Amino acid sequence: QPVSIGQAEAGLEGACEFSYSEDPYSIYLVIHACEKVTDIQVYTCSLGDEQMEADALIYEKQLLEKNEIMVIRVNFPGDFTTYEVRLTDAAGMTRCYLVSVSGRNGAIAVATVATE
């Protein structure tokens, strides 16, 4: 995968470059570039007819070089709260990831979404 996405470790809060929520229970997500990626976009999602669909663009960044990180602060107030991370990998392919919180253990869950 061109990136890894997960909950930011303690101490990375100071590297936060975007905060979508000031809720004290919000989560810091870290996106780590495993290769050079461009056109990084973060969307809120809503439930469509069959699956979660990108709704509103909340943040975008032009470039992450290999091994760079991006830290953002988001909130997961409900069971279906999901964010989509969309980017272009080094080969020029669009990649999409749905990010949510597991109802079983509260861990960040990331699912790859097929793109056309």
PDB file of N, CA and C in Angstrom:
ATOM      1  N   GLN A   1       0.829  -1.188   0.000  1.00  0.00           N
ATOM      2  CA  GLN A   1       0.000   0.000   0.000  1.00  0.00           C
ATOM      3  C   GLN A   1       0.877   1.256   0.000  1.00  0.00           C
ATOM      4  N   PRO A   2       0.434   2.299  -0.656  1.00  0.00           N
ATOM      5  CA  PRO A   2       1.229   3.534  -0.701  1.00  0.00           C
ATOM      6  C   PRO A   2       1.241   4.302   0.623  1.00  0.00           C
ATOM      7  N   VAL A   3       0.247   4.051   1.499  1.00  0.00           N
ATOM      8  CA  VAL A   3       0.196   4.702   2.809  1.00  0.00           C
ATOM      9  C   VAL A   3      -0.263   3.705   3.860  1.00  0.00           C
ATOM     10  N   SER A   4       0.052   4.032   5.112  1.00  0.00           N
ATOM     11  CA  SER A   4      -0.565   3.319   6.232  1.00  0.00           C
ATOM     12  C   SER A   4      -1.315   4.369   7.041  1.00  0.00           C
ATOM     13  N   ILE A   5      -2.460   3.976   7.569  1.00  0.00           N
ATOM     14  CA  ILE A   5      -3.319   4.894   8.311  1.00  0.00           C
ATOM     15  C   ILE A   5      -3.638   4.256   9.649  1.00  0.00           C
ATOM     16  N   GLY A   6      -3.486   5.017  10.717  1.00  0.00           N
ATOM     17  CA  GLY A   6      -3.798   4.495  12.035  1.00  0.00           C
ATOM     18  C   GLY A   6      -3.919   5.609  13.046  1.00  0.00           C
ATOM     19  N   GLN A   7      -4.125   5.233  14.290  1.00  0.00           N
ATOM     20  CA  GLN A   7      -4.205   6.207  15.362  1.00  0.00           C
ATOM     21  C   GLN A   7      -2.798   6.687  15.689  1.00  0.00           C
ATOM     22  N   ALA A   8      -2.643   7.990  15.822  1.00  0.00           N
ATOM     23  CA  ALA A   8      -1.331   8.578  16.118  1.00  0.00           C
ATOM     24  C   ALA A   8      -0.892   8.188  17.521  1.00  0.00           C
ATOM     25  N   GLU A   9       0.373   7.865  17.646  1.00  0.00           N
ATOM     26  CA  GLU A   9       0.935   7.549  18.961  1.00  0.00           C
ATOM     27  C   GLU A   9       1.010   8.814  19.807  1.00  0.00           C
ATOM     28  N   ALA A  10       1.048   8.641  21.112  1.00  0.00           N
ATOM     29  CA  ALA A  10       1.169   9.774  22.025  1.00  0.00           C
ATOM     30  C   ALA A  10       2.395  10.596  21.652  1.00  0.00           C
ATOM     31  N   GLY A  11       2.267  11.895  21.703  1.00  0.00           N
ATOM     32  CA  GLY A  11       3.373  12.782  21.368  1.00  0.00           C
ATOM     33  C   GLY A  11       3.271  13.373  19.986  1.00  0.00           C
ATOM     34  N   LEU A  12       2.432  12.787  19.122  1.00  0.00           N
ATOM     35  CA  LEU A  12       2.285  13.325  17.765  1.00  0.00           C
ATOM     36  C   LEU A  12       1.206  14.397  17.653  1.00  0.00           C
ATOM     37  N   GLU A  13       0.501  14.660  18.766  1.00  0.00           N
ATOM     38  CA  GLU A  13      -0.552  15.665  18.737  1.00  0.00           C
ATOM     39  C   GLU A  13      -0.020  17.021  18.280  1.00  0.00           C
ATOM     40  N   GLY A  14       1.214  17.335  18.651  1.00  0.00           N
ATOM     41  CA  GLY A  14       1.825  18.605  18.262  1.00  0.00           C
ATOM     42  C   GLY A  14       2.093  18.723  16.778  1.00  0.00           C
ATOM     43  N   ALA A  15       2.095  17.592  16.074  1.00  0.00           N
ATOM     44  CA  ALA A  15       2.313  17.590  14.625  1.00  0.00           C
ATOM     45  C   ALA A  15       1.004  17.713  13.856  1.00  0.00           C
ATOM     46  N   CYS A  16      -0.115  17.867  14.582  1.00  0.00           N
ATOM     47  CA  CYS A  16      -1.428  17.944  13.941  1.00  0.00           C
ATOM     48  C   CYS A  16      -1.499  19.168  13.043  1.00  0.00           C
ATOM     49  N   GLU A  17      -1.854  18.942  11.782  1.00  0.00           N
ATOM     50  CA  GLU A  17      -1.941  20.059  10.844  1.00  0.00           C
ATOM     51  C   GLU A  17      -3.373  20.429  10.492  1.00  0.00           C
ATOM     52  N   PHE A  18      -4.334  19.633  10.937  1.00  0.00           N
ATOM     53  CA  PHE A  18      -5.738  19.943  10.678  1.00  0.00           C
ATOM     54  C   PHE A  18      -6.586  19.324  11.765  1.00  0.00           C
ATOM     55  N   SER A  19      -7.541  20.089  12.278  1.00  0.00           N
ATOM     56  CA  SER A  19      -8.441  19.579  13.304  1.00  0.00           C
ATOM     57  C   SER A  19      -9.876  19.770  12.843  1.00  0.00           C
ATOM     58  N   TYR A  20     -10.570  18.663  12.617  1.00  0.00           N
ATOM     59  CA  TYR A  20     -11.975  18.701  12.228  1.00  0.00           C
ATOM     60  C   TYR A  20     -12.865  18.717  13.466  1.00  0.00           C
ATOM     61  N   SER A  21     -12.286  18.440  14.627  1.00  0.00           N
ATOM     62  CA  SER A  21     -13.061  18.369  15.862  1.00  0.00           C
ATOM     63  C   SER A  21     -12.240  18.860  17.029  1.00  0.00           C
ATOM     64  N   GLU A  22     -12.874  19.589  17.909  1.00  0.00           N
ATOM     65  CA  GLU A  22     -12.231  20.007  19.153  1.00  0.00           C
ATOM     66  C   GLU A  22     -12.762  19.190  20.319  1.00  0.00           C
ATOM     67  N   ASP A  23     -13.541  18.160  20.025  1.00  0.00           N
ATOM     68  CA  ASP A  23     -14.104  17.294  21.062  1.00  0.00           C
ATOM     69  C   ASP A  23     -12.970  16.650  21.855  1.00  0.00           C
ATOM     70  N   PRO A  24     -13.069  16.614  23.176  1.00  0.00           N
ATOM     71  CA  PRO A  24     -11.984  16.017  23.971  1.00  0.00           C
ATOM     72  C   PRO A  24     -11.802  14.525  23.706  1.00  0.00           C
ATOM     73  N   TYR A  25     -12.785  13.887  23.093  1.00  0.00           N
ATOM     74  CA  TYR A  25     -12.684  12.461  22.786  1.00  0.00           C
ATOM     75  C   TYR A  25     -12.330  12.208  21.320  1.00  0.00           C
ATOM     76  N   SER A  26     -11.899  13.245  20.635  1.00  0.00           N
ATOM     77  CA  SER A  26     -11.522  13.068  19.241  1.00  0.00           C
ATOM     78  C   SER A  26     -10.230  12.247  19.158  1.00  0.00           C
ATOM     79  N   ILE A  27      -9.938  11.784  17.960  1.00  0.00           N
ATOM     80  CA  ILE A  27      -8.796  10.905  17.722  1.00  0.00           C
ATOM     81  C   ILE A  27      -7.847  11.566  16.732  1.00  0.00           C
ATOM     82  N   TYR A  28      -6.564  11.433  17.013  1.00  0.00           N
ATOM     83  CA  TYR A  28      -5.548  11.899  16.074  1.00  0.00           C
ATOM     84  C   TYR A  28      -5.199  10.740  15.153  1.00  0.00           C
ATOM     85  N   LEU A  29      -5.408  10.941  13.866  1.00  0.00           N
ATOM     86  CA  LEU A  29      -5.034   9.941  12.867  1.00  0.00           C
ATOM     87  C   LEU A  29      -3.706  10.318  12.255  1.00  0.00           C
ATOM     88  N   VAL A  30      -2.898   9.319  11.964  1.00  0.00           N
ATOM     89  CA  VAL A  30      -1.647   9.555  11.269  1.00  0.00           C
ATOM     90  C   VAL A  30      -1.687   8.812   9.943  1.00  0.00           C
ATOM     91  N   ILE A  31      -1.314   9.521   8.896  1.00  0.00           N
ATOM     92  CA  ILE A  31      -1.184   8.933   7.571  1.00  0.00           C
ATOM     93  C   ILE A  31       0.304   8.956   7.247  1.00  0.00           C
ATOM     94  N   HIS A  32       0.873   7.777   7.091  1.00  0.00           N
ATOM     95  CA  HIS A  32       2.309   7.635   6.829  1.00  0.00           C
ATOM     96  C   HIS A  32       2.484   7.248   5.363  1.00  0.00           C
ATOM     97  N   ALA A  33       3.250   8.038   4.630  1.00  0.00           N
ATOM     98  CA  ALA A  33       3.487   7.762   3.214  1.00  0.00           C
ATOM     99  C   ALA A  33       4.586   6.708   3.062  1.00  0.00           C
ATOM    100  N   CYS A  34       4.245   5.579   2.457  1.00  0.00           N
ATOM    101  CA  CYS A  34       5.222   4.512   2.187  1.00  0.00           C
ATOM    102  C   CYS A  34       5.921   4.750   0.853  1.00  0.00           C
ATOM    103  N   GLU A  35       5.391   5.685   0.089  1.00  0.00           N
ATOM    104  CA  GLU A  35       5.972   6.144  -1.171  1.00  0.00           C
ATOM    105  C   GLU A  35       5.461   7.567  -1.374  1.00  0.00           C
ATOM    106  N   LYS A  36       5.970   8.259  -2.364  1.00  0.00           N
ATOM    107  CA  LYS A  36       5.493   9.613  -2.637  1.00  0.00           C
ATOM    108  C   LYS A  36       4.034   9.549  -3.087  1.00  0.00           C
ATOM    109  N   VAL A  37       3.166  10.329  -2.412  1.00  0.00           N
ATOM    110  CA  VAL A  37       1.760  10.404  -2.787  1.00  0.00           C
ATOM    111  C   VAL A  37       1.369  11.867  -2.954  1.00  0.00           C
ATOM    112  N   THR A  38       0.401  12.106  -3.814  1.00  0.00           N
ATOM    113  CA  THR A  38      -0.039  13.470  -4.104  1.00  0.00           C
ATOM    114  C   THR A  38      -1.560  13.558  -4.005  1.00  0.00           C
ATOM    115  N   ASP A  39      -2.047  14.775  -4.045  1.00  0.00           N
ATOM    116  CA  ASP A  39      -3.488  15.056  -4.053  1.00  0.00           C
ATOM    117  C   ASP A  39      -4.230  14.309  -2.946  1.00  0.00           C
ATOM    118  N   ILE A  40      -3.759  14.455  -1.720  1.00  0.00           N
ATOM    119  CA  ILE A  40      -4.380  13.797  -0.580  1.00  0.00           C
ATOM    120  C   ILE A  40      -5.619  14.597  -0.188  1.00  0.00           C
ATOM    121  N   GLN A  41      -6.754  13.908  -0.098  1.00  0.00           N
ATOM    122  CA  GLN A  41      -8.015  14.545   0.261  1.00  0.00           C
ATOM    123  C   GLN A  41      -8.693  13.723   1.350  1.00  0.00           C
ATOM    124  N   VAL A  42      -9.315  14.420   2.300  1.00  0.00           N
ATOM    125  CA  VAL A  42     -10.048  13.759   3.378  1.00  0.00           C
ATOM    126  C   VAL A  42     -11.497  14.250   3.315  1.00  0.00           C
ATOM    127  N   TYR A  43     -12.424  13.292   3.284  1.00  0.00           N
ATOM    128  CA  TYR A  43     -13.848  13.579   3.174  1.00  0.00           C
ATOM    129  C   TYR A  43     -14.602  12.995   4.363  1.00  0.00           C
ATOM    130  N   THR A  44     -15.703  13.638   4.739  1.00  0.00           N
ATOM    131  CA  THR A  44     -16.665  12.980   5.605  1.00  0.00           C
ATOM    132  C   THR A  44     -17.455  12.037   4.699  1.00  0.00           C
ATOM    133  N   CYS A  45     -18.094  11.049   5.288  1.00  0.00           N
ATOM    134  CA  CYS A  45     -18.889  10.104   4.493  1.00  0.00           C
ATOM    135  C   CYS A  45     -20.292  10.006   5.060  1.00  0.00           C
ATOM    136  N   SER A  46     -21.211   9.616   4.201  1.00  0.00           N
ATOM    137  CA  SER A  46     -22.568   9.320   4.631  1.00  0.00           C
ATOM    138  C   SER A  46     -22.979   8.010   3.982  1.00  0.00           C
ATOM    139  N   LEU A  47     -23.974   7.378   4.567  1.00  0.00           N
ATOM    140  CA  LEU A  47     -24.433   6.091   4.068  1.00  0.00           C
ATOM    141  C   LEU A  47     -25.233   6.298   2.799  1.00  0.00           C
ATOM    142  N   GLY A  48     -24.742   5.714   1.702  1.00  0.00           N
ATOM    143  CA  GLY A  48     -25.451   5.771   0.428  1.00  0.00           C
ATOM    144  C   GLY A  48     -26.421   4.610   0.307  1.00  0.00           C
ATOM    145  N   ASP A  49     -26.819   4.288  -0.908  1.00  0.00           N
ATOM    146  CA  ASP A  49     -27.760   3.192  -1.129  1.00  0.00           C
ATOM    147  C   ASP A  49     -27.205   1.847  -0.686  1.00  0.00           C
ATOM    148  N   GLU A  50     -25.914   1.620  -0.936  1.00  0.00           N
ATOM    149  CA  GLU A  50     -25.335   0.316  -0.624  1.00  0.00           C
ATOM    150  C   GLU A  50     -24.082   0.381   0.241  1.00  0.00           C
ATOM    151  N   GLN A  51     -23.441   1.538   0.311  1.00  0.00           N
ATOM    152  CA  GLN A  51     -22.179   1.641   1.042  1.00  0.00           C
ATOM    153  C   GLN A  51     -21.943   3.084   1.470  1.00  0.00           C
ATOM    154  N   MET A  52     -20.870   3.285   2.233  1.00  0.00           N
ATOM    155  CA  MET A  52     -20.493   4.642   2.630  1.00  0.00           C
ATOM    156  C   MET A  52     -19.956   5.381   1.407  1.00  0.00           C
ATOM    157  N   GLU A  53     -20.348   6.639   1.263  1.00  0.00           N
ATOM    158  CA  GLU A  53     -19.933   7.435   0.115  1.00  0.00           C
ATOM    159  C   GLU A  53     -19.368   8.770   0.590  1.00  0.00           C
ATOM    160  N   ALA A  54     -18.345   9.261  -0.112  1.00  0.00           N
ATOM    161  CA  ALA A  54     -17.744  10.549   0.216  1.00  0.00           C
ATOM    162  C   ALA A  54     -18.810  11.628   0.159  1.00  0.00           C
ATOM    163  N   ASP A  55     -18.753  12.513   1.149  1.00  0.00           N
ATOM    164  CA  ASP A  55     -19.777  13.536   1.297  1.00  0.00           C
ATOM    165  C   ASP A  55     -19.153  14.918   1.105  1.00  0.00           C
ATOM    166  N   ALA A  56     -18.470  15.423   2.118  1.00  0.00           N
ATOM    167  CA  ALA A  56     -17.903  16.771   2.075  1.00  0.00           C
ATOM    168  C   ALA A  56     -16.390  16.718   2.237  1.00  0.00           C
ATOM    169  N   LEU A  57     -15.684  17.443   1.386  1.00  0.00           N
ATOM    170  CA  LEU A  57     -14.228  17.565   1.498  1.00  0.00           C
ATOM    171  C   LEU A  57     -13.916  18.433   2.712  1.00  0.00           C
ATOM    172  N   ILE A  58     -13.115  17.891   3.647  1.00  0.00           N
ATOM    173  CA  ILE A  58     -12.790  18.673   4.843  1.00  0.00           C
ATOM    174  C   ILE A  58     -11.323  19.091   4.899  1.00  0.00           C
ATOM    175  N   TYR A  59     -10.453  18.413   4.144  1.00  0.00           N
ATOM    176  CA  TYR A  59      -9.032  18.780   4.176  1.00  0.00           C
ATOM    177  C   TYR A  59      -8.338  18.226   2.939  1.00  0.00           C
ATOM    178  N   GLU A  60      -7.372  18.980   2.452  1.00  0.00           N
ATOM    179  CA  GLU A  60      -6.560  18.466   1.353  1.00  0.00           C
ATOM    180  C   GLU A  60      -5.123  18.956   1.481  1.00  0.00           C
ATOM    181  N   LYS A  61      -4.238  18.146   0.972  1.00  0.00           N
ATOM    182  CA  LYS A  61      -2.812  18.435   1.000  1.00  0.00           C
ATOM    183  C   LYS A  61      -2.237  17.972  -0.333  1.00  0.00           C
ATOM    184  N   GLN A  62      -1.309  18.730  -0.876  1.00  0.00           N
ATOM    185  CA  GLN A  62      -0.809  18.425  -2.210  1.00  0.00           C
ATOM    186  C   GLN A  62       0.178  17.262  -2.259  1.00  0.00           C
ATOM    187  N   LEU A  63       1.035  17.107  -1.233  1.00  0.00           N
ATOM    188  CA  LEU A  63       2.130  16.155  -1.359  1.00  0.00           C
ATOM    189  C   LEU A  63       2.580  15.609  -0.015  1.00  0.00           C
ATOM    190  N   LEU A  64       2.864  14.329   0.004  1.00  0.00           N
ATOM    191  CA  LEU A  64       3.585  13.692   1.105  1.00  0.00           C
ATOM    192  C   LEU A  64       4.723  12.906   0.461  1.00  0.00           C
ATOM    193  N   GLU A  65       5.939  13.234   0.820  1.00  0.00           N
ATOM    194  CA  GLU A  65       7.090  12.482   0.322  1.00  0.00           C
ATOM    195  C   GLU A  65       7.183  11.155   1.068  1.00  0.00           C
ATOM    196  N   LYS A  66       7.916  10.221   0.526  1.00  0.00           N
ATOM    197  CA  LYS A  66       8.104   8.927   1.165  1.00  0.00           C
ATOM    198  C   LYS A  66       8.598   9.121   2.599  1.00  0.00           C
ATOM    199  N   ASN A  67       7.982   8.415   3.542  1.00  0.00           N
ATOM    200  CA  ASN A  67       8.278   8.426   4.978  1.00  0.00           C
ATOM    201  C   ASN A  67       7.821   9.679   5.710  1.00  0.00           C
ATOM    202  N   GLU A  68       7.145  10.603   5.049  1.00  0.00           N
ATOM    203  CA  GLU A  68       6.551  11.744   5.742  1.00  0.00           C
ATOM    204  C   GLU A  68       5.210  11.314   6.341  1.00  0.00           C
ATOM    205  N   ILE A  69       4.775  12.062   7.357  1.00  0.00           N
ATOM    206  CA  ILE A  69       3.485  11.789   7.972  1.00  0.00           C
ATOM    207  C   ILE A  69       2.592  13.018   7.914  1.00  0.00           C
ATOM    208  N   MET A  70       1.299  12.755   8.016  1.00  0.00           N
ATOM    209  CA  MET A  70       0.291  13.797   8.115  1.00  0.00           C
ATOM    210  C   MET A  70      -0.586  13.410   9.299  1.00  0.00           C
ATOM    211  N   VAL A  71      -0.776  14.325  10.255  1.00  0.00           N
ATOM    212  CA  VAL A  71      -1.596  14.056  11.428  1.00  0.00           C
ATOM    213  C   VAL A  71      -2.812  14.975  11.379  1.00  0.00           C
ATOM    214  N   ILE A  72      -3.998  14.373  11.508  1.00  0.00           N
ATOM    215  CA  ILE A  72      -5.247  15.137  11.537  1.00  0.00           C
ATOM    216  C   ILE A  72      -6.067  14.681  12.740  1.00  0.00           C
ATOM    217  N   ARG A  73      -6.920  15.572  13.221  1.00  0.00           N
ATOM    218  CA  ARG A  73      -7.762  15.277  14.385  1.00  0.00           C
ATOM    219  C   ARG A  73      -9.216  15.191  13.925  1.00  0.00           C
ATOM    220  N   VAL A  74      -9.841  14.035  14.178  1.00  0.00           N
ATOM    221  CA  VAL A  74     -11.224  13.813  13.761  1.00  0.00           C
ATOM    222  C   VAL A  74     -12.017  13.233  14.929  1.00  0.00           C
ATOM    223  N   ASN A  75     -13.322  13.203  14.767  1.00  0.00           N
ATOM    224  CA  ASN A  75     -14.192  12.705  15.815  1.00  0.00           C
ATOM    225  C   ASN A  75     -15.052  11.574  15.260  1.00  0.00           C
ATOM    226  N   PHE A  76     -15.339  10.592  16.081  1.00  0.00           N
ATOM    227  CA  PHE A  76     -16.197   9.476  15.708  1.00  0.00           C
ATOM    228  C   PHE A  76     -17.364   9.422  16.689  1.00  0.00           C
ATOM    229  N   PRO A  77     -18.374  10.304  16.515  1.00  0.00           N
ATOM    230  CA  PRO A  77     -19.454  10.393  17.496  1.00  0.00           C
ATOM    231  C   PRO A  77     -20.479   9.259  17.426  1.00  0.00           C
ATOM    232  N   GLY A  78     -20.503   8.502  16.336  1.00  0.00           N
ATOM    233  CA  GLY A  78     -21.505   7.450  16.213  1.00  0.00           C
ATOM    234  C   GLY A  78     -20.955   6.215  15.542  1.00  0.00           C
ATOM    235  N   ASP A  79     -21.768   5.171  15.523  1.00  0.00           N
ATOM    236  CA  ASP A  79     -21.351   3.884  14.975  1.00  0.00           C
ATOM    237  C   ASP A  79     -20.981   3.941  13.499  1.00  0.00           C
ATOM    238  N   PHE A  80     -21.636   4.795  12.743  1.00  0.00           N
ATOM    239  CA  PHE A  80     -21.399   4.811  11.300  1.00  0.00           C
ATOM    240  C   PHE A  80     -20.502   5.955  10.848  1.00  0.00           C
ATOM    241  N   THR A  81     -19.878   6.646  11.772  1.00  0.00           N
ATOM    242  CA  THR A  81     -19.004   7.751  11.390  1.00  0.00           C
ATOM    243  C   THR A  81     -17.808   7.195  10.624  1.00  0.00           C
ATOM    244  N   THR A  82     -17.607   7.712   9.431  1.00  0.00           N
ATOM    245  CA  THR A  82     -16.547   7.233   8.549  1.00  0.00           C
ATOM    246  C   THR A  82     -15.958   8.420   7.800  1.00  0.00           C
ATOM    247  N   TYR A  83     -14.668   8.346   7.550  1.00  0.00           N
ATOM    248  CA  TYR A  83     -13.969   9.331   6.729  1.00  0.00           C
ATOM    249  C   TYR A  83     -13.342   8.603   5.548  1.00  0.00           C
ATOM    250  N   GLU A  84     -13.260   9.276   4.420  1.00  0.00           N
ATOM    251  CA  GLU A  84     -12.587   8.708   3.258  1.00  0.00           C
ATOM    252  C   GLU A  84     -11.300   9.482   3.027  1.00  0.00           C
ATOM    253  N   VAL A  85     -10.205   8.753   2.834  1.00  0.00           N
ATOM    254  CA  VAL A  85      -8.922   9.339   2.459  1.00  0.00           C
ATOM    255  C   VAL A  85      -8.679   8.931   1.017  1.00  0.00           C
ATOM    256  N   ARG A  86      -8.527   9.924   0.161  1.00  0.00           N
ATOM    257  CA  ARG A  86      -8.312   9.678  -1.270  1.00  0.00           C
ATOM    258  C   ARG A  86      -6.980  10.309  -1.654  1.00  0.00           C
ATOM    259  N   LEU A  87      -6.190   9.603  -2.455  1.00  0.00           N
ATOM    260  CA  LEU A  87      -4.880  10.118  -2.852  1.00  0.00           C
ATOM    261  C   LEU A  87      -4.447   9.492  -4.168  1.00  0.00           C
ATOM    262  N   THR A  88      -3.368  10.027  -4.713  1.00  0.00           N
ATOM    263  CA  THR A  88      -2.774   9.481  -5.936  1.00  0.00           C
ATOM    264  C   THR A  88      -1.424   8.903  -5.572  1.00  0.00           C
ATOM    265  N   ASP A  89      -1.216   7.624  -5.933  1.00  0.00           N
ATOM    266  CA  ASP A  89       0.052   6.973  -5.591  1.00  0.00           C
ATOM    267  C   ASP A  89       1.144   7.328  -6.602  1.00  0.00           C
ATOM    268  N   ALA A  90       2.345   6.794  -6.391  1.00  0.00           N
ATOM    269  CA  ALA A  90       3.501   7.127  -7.234  1.00  0.00           C
ATOM    270  C   ALA A  90       3.308   6.690  -8.685  1.00  0.00           C
ATOM    271  N   ALA A  91       2.444   5.698  -8.931  1.00  0.00           N
ATOM    272  CA  ALA A  91       2.179   5.220 -10.287  1.00  0.00           C
ATOM    273  C   ALA A  91       1.062   6.014 -10.966  1.00  0.00           C
ATOM    274  N   GLY A  92       0.494   6.989 -10.260  1.00  0.00           N
ATOM    275  CA  GLY A  92      -0.573   7.810 -10.828  1.00  0.00           C
ATOM    276  C   GLY A  92      -1.969   7.243 -10.650  1.00  0.00           C
ATOM    277  N   MET A  93      -2.095   6.186  -9.841  1.00  0.00           N
ATOM    278  CA  MET A  93      -3.402   5.589  -9.596  1.00  0.00           C
ATOM    279  C   MET A  93      -4.078   6.235  -8.392  1.00  0.00           C
ATOM    280  N   THR A  94      -5.396   6.441  -8.487  1.00  0.00           N
ATOM    281  CA  THR A  94      -6.166   6.957  -7.358  1.00  0.00           C
ATOM    282  C   THR A  94      -6.429   5.820  -6.384  1.00  0.00           C
ATOM    283  N   ARG A  95      -6.195   6.073  -5.115  1.00  0.00           N
ATOM    284  CA  ARG A  95      -6.449   5.096  -4.052  1.00  0.00           C
ATOM    285  C   ARG A  95      -7.423   5.718  -3.065  1.00  0.00           C
ATOM    286  N   CYS A  96      -8.350   4.902  -2.547  1.00  0.00           N
ATOM    287  CA  CYS A  96      -9.330   5.373  -1.571  1.00  0.00           C
ATOM    288  C   CYS A  96      -9.371   4.421  -0.388  1.00  0.00           C
ATOM    289  N   TYR A  97      -9.485   5.006   0.813  1.00  0.00           N
ATOM    290  CA  TYR A  97      -9.539   4.245   2.055  1.00  0.00           C
ATOM    291  C   TYR A  97     -10.670   4.783   2.916  1.00  0.00           C
ATOM    292  N   LEU A  98     -11.474   3.891   3.467  1.00  0.00           N
ATOM    293  CA  LEU A  98     -12.502   4.271   4.428  1.00  0.00           C
ATOM    294  C   LEU A  98     -11.950   4.047   5.821  1.00  0.00           C
ATOM    295  N   VAL A  99     -12.039   5.068   6.660  1.00  0.00           N
ATOM    296  CA  VAL A  99     -11.491   5.017   8.014  1.00  0.00           C
ATOM    297  C   VAL A  99     -12.633   5.162   9.007  1.00  0.00           C
ATOM    298  N   SER A 100     -12.741   4.186   9.918  1.00  0.00           N
ATOM    299  CA  SER A 100     -13.778   4.206  10.940  1.00  0.00           C
ATOM    300  C   SER A 100     -13.195   3.627  12.227  1.00  0.00           C
ATOM    301  N   VAL A 101     -14.032   3.488  13.235  1.00  0.00           N
ATOM    302  CA  VAL A 101     -13.608   2.909  14.508  1.00  0.00           C
ATOM    303  C   VAL A 101     -14.349   1.598  14.708  1.00  0.00           C
ATOM    304  N   SER A 102     -13.622   0.569  15.096  1.00  0.00           N
ATOM    305  CA  SER A 102     -14.215  -0.742  15.350  1.00  0.00           C
ATOM    306  C   SER A 102     -15.147  -0.679  16.553  1.00  0.00           C
ATOM    307  N   GLY A 103     -16.338  -1.218  16.398  1.00  0.00           N
ATOM    308  CA  GLY A 103     -17.277  -1.292  17.511  1.00  0.00           C
ATOM    309  C   GLY A 103     -16.882  -2.337  18.545  1.00  0.00           C
ATOM    310  N   ARG A 104     -15.997  -3.249  18.165  1.00  0.00           N
ATOM    311  CA  ARG A 104     -15.577  -4.314  19.091  1.00  0.00           C
ATOM    312  C   ARG A 104     -14.543  -3.843  20.095  1.00  0.00           C
ATOM    313  N   ASN A 105     -13.510  -3.121  19.584  1.00  0.00           N
ATOM    314  CA  ASN A 105     -12.411  -2.771  20.487  1.00  0.00           C
ATOM    315  C   ASN A 105     -11.977  -1.305  20.409  1.00  0.00           C
ATOM    316  N   GLY A 106     -12.658  -0.493  19.615  1.00  0.00           N
ATOM    317  CA  GLY A 106     -12.331   0.924  19.526  1.00  0.00           C
ATOM    318  C   GLY A 106     -11.103   1.244  18.702  1.00  0.00           C
ATOM    319  N   ALA A 107     -10.538   0.237  18.026  1.00  0.00           N
ATOM    320  CA  ALA A 107      -9.354   0.457  17.185  1.00  0.00           C
ATOM    321  C   ALA A 107      -9.759   1.093  15.858  1.00  0.00           C
ATOM    322  N   ILE A 108      -8.821   1.793  15.257  1.00  0.00           N
ATOM    323  CA  ILE A 108      -9.050   2.367  13.937  1.00  0.00           C
ATOM    324  C   ILE A 108      -9.158   1.226  12.925  1.00  0.00           C
ATOM    325  N   ALA A 109     -10.203   1.268  12.091  1.00  0.00           N
ATOM    326  CA  ALA A 109     -10.398   0.274  11.040  1.00  0.00           C
ATOM    327  C   ALA A 109     -10.250   0.975   9.695  1.00  0.00           C
ATOM    328  N   VAL A 110      -9.441   0.399   8.828  1.00  0.00           N
ATOM    329  CA  VAL A 110      -9.192   0.981   7.508  1.00  0.00           C
ATOM    330  C   VAL A 110      -9.534  -0.056   6.447  1.00  0.00           C
ATOM    331  N   ALA A 111     -10.396   0.327   5.502  1.00  0.00           N
ATOM    332  CA  ALA A 111     -10.780  -0.558   4.410  1.00  0.00           C
ATOM    333  C   ALA A 111     -10.416   0.107   3.080  1.00  0.00           C
ATOM    334  N   THR A 112      -9.825  -0.662   2.195  1.00  0.00           N
ATOM    335  CA  THR A 112      -9.499  -0.168   0.861  1.00  0.00           C
ATOM    336  C   THR A 112     -10.751  -0.218   0.004  1.00  0.00           C
ATOM    337  N   VAL A 113     -10.976   0.852  -0.737  1.00  0.00           N
ATOM    338  CA  VAL A 113     -12.155   0.939  -1.603  1.00  0.00           C
ATOM    339  C   VAL A 113     -11.684   0.870  -3.042  1.00  0.00           C
ATOM    340  N   ALA A 114     -12.349   0.051  -3.844  1.00  0.00           N
ATOM    341  CA  ALA A 114     -12.014  -0.042  -5.264  1.00  0.00           C
ATOM    342  C   ALA A 114     -12.368   1.266  -5.962  1.00  0.00           C
ATOM    343  N   THR A 115     -11.487   1.712  -6.840  1.00  0.00           N
ATOM    344  CA  THR A 115     -11.747   2.927  -7.616  1.00  0.00           C
ATOM    345  C   THR A 115     -11.885   2.548  -9.080  1.00  0.00           C
ATOM    346  N   GLU A 116     -12.555   3.393  -9.808  1.00  0.00           N
ATOM    347  CA  GLU A 116     -12.765   3.114 -11.246  1.00  0.00           C
ATOM    348  C   GLU A 116     -11.590   3.545 -12.066  1.00  0.00           C
TER     349      GLU A 116
END
